[in-house]
């Protein structure tokens, strides 16, 4: 799904940008997914199961 970029102000005053992921975001997305999966058992994969790399995309 592609949608228009939207900026929102968080409760702590920081700005978050909601946008469609692009190919240039691959490394950041993989890093985030691996970090998040270390902190919970409720995601579809464990950190060691993420074998994708930015080169694959």
Protein backbone atom coordinates (compact mmCIF):
# COMPACT_ATOMS: atom_id res chain seq x y z
CA UNK A 1 0.00 0.00 0.00
CA UNK A 2 1.32 3.42 -0.90
CA UNK A 3 0.14 6.45 1.02
CA UNK A 4 1.07 10.07 1.40
CA UNK A 5 3.70 10.97 4.00
CA UNK A 6 2.26 12.25 7.27
CA UNK A 7 4.02 13.94 10.20
CA UNK A 8 2.60 13.54 13.69
CA UNK A 9 3.66 14.96 17.03
CA UNK A 10 4.14 12.35 19.75
CA UNK A 11 3.23 12.87 23.40
CA UNK A 12 6.90 13.45 24.23
CA UNK A 13 7.05 16.30 21.70
CA UNK A 14 9.09 14.44 19.08
CA UNK A 15 7.95 14.29 15.47
CA UNK A 16 7.29 10.93 13.80
CA UNK A 17 6.94 10.52 10.06
CA UNK A 18 4.57 7.89 8.73
CA UNK A 19 5.38 6.94 5.16
CA UNK A 20 5.52 4.11 2.68
CA UNK A 21 8.76 2.16 2.97
CA UNK A 22 11.14 2.52 0.03
CA UNK A 23 14.05 0.41 -1.15
CA UNK A 24 16.41 2.88 0.57
CA UNK A 25 14.75 1.98 3.89
CA UNK A 26 15.60 -1.75 3.73
CA UNK A 27 18.59 -1.74 6.10
CA UNK A 28 16.78 0.38 8.71
CA UNK A 29 13.65 -1.80 8.49
CA UNK A 30 15.61 -5.05 8.91
CA UNK A 31 17.51 -3.58 11.88
CA UNK A 32 14.24 -2.49 13.51
CA UNK A 33 12.55 -5.86 12.93
CA UNK A 34 15.51 -7.77 14.40
CA UNK A 35 15.63 -5.46 17.44
CA UNK A 36 11.87 -5.67 18.03
CA UNK A 37 11.82 -9.46 17.72
CA UNK A 38 14.45 -9.71 20.47
CA UNK A 39 12.07 -7.99 22.89
CA UNK A 40 8.92 -10.09 22.41
CA UNK A 41 7.84 -13.64 21.65
CA UNK A 42 4.70 -12.44 19.90
CA UNK A 43 6.12 -11.67 16.45
CA UNK A 44 6.10 -14.18 13.59
CA UNK A 45 9.86 -14.87 13.82
CA UNK A 46 12.70 -14.90 16.32
CA UNK A 47 15.74 -12.68 15.59
CA UNK A 48 17.89 -15.58 14.37
CA UNK A 49 15.20 -16.51 11.82
CA UNK A 50 15.61 -13.20 9.96
CA UNK A 51 18.12 -14.16 7.31
CA UNK A 52 17.25 -11.48 4.75
CA UNK A 53 19.84 -8.88 3.91
CA UNK A 54 19.64 -5.56 2.10
CA UNK A 55 21.47 -7.13 -0.87
CA UNK A 56 18.60 -9.58 -1.33
CA UNK A 57 16.22 -6.69 -2.04
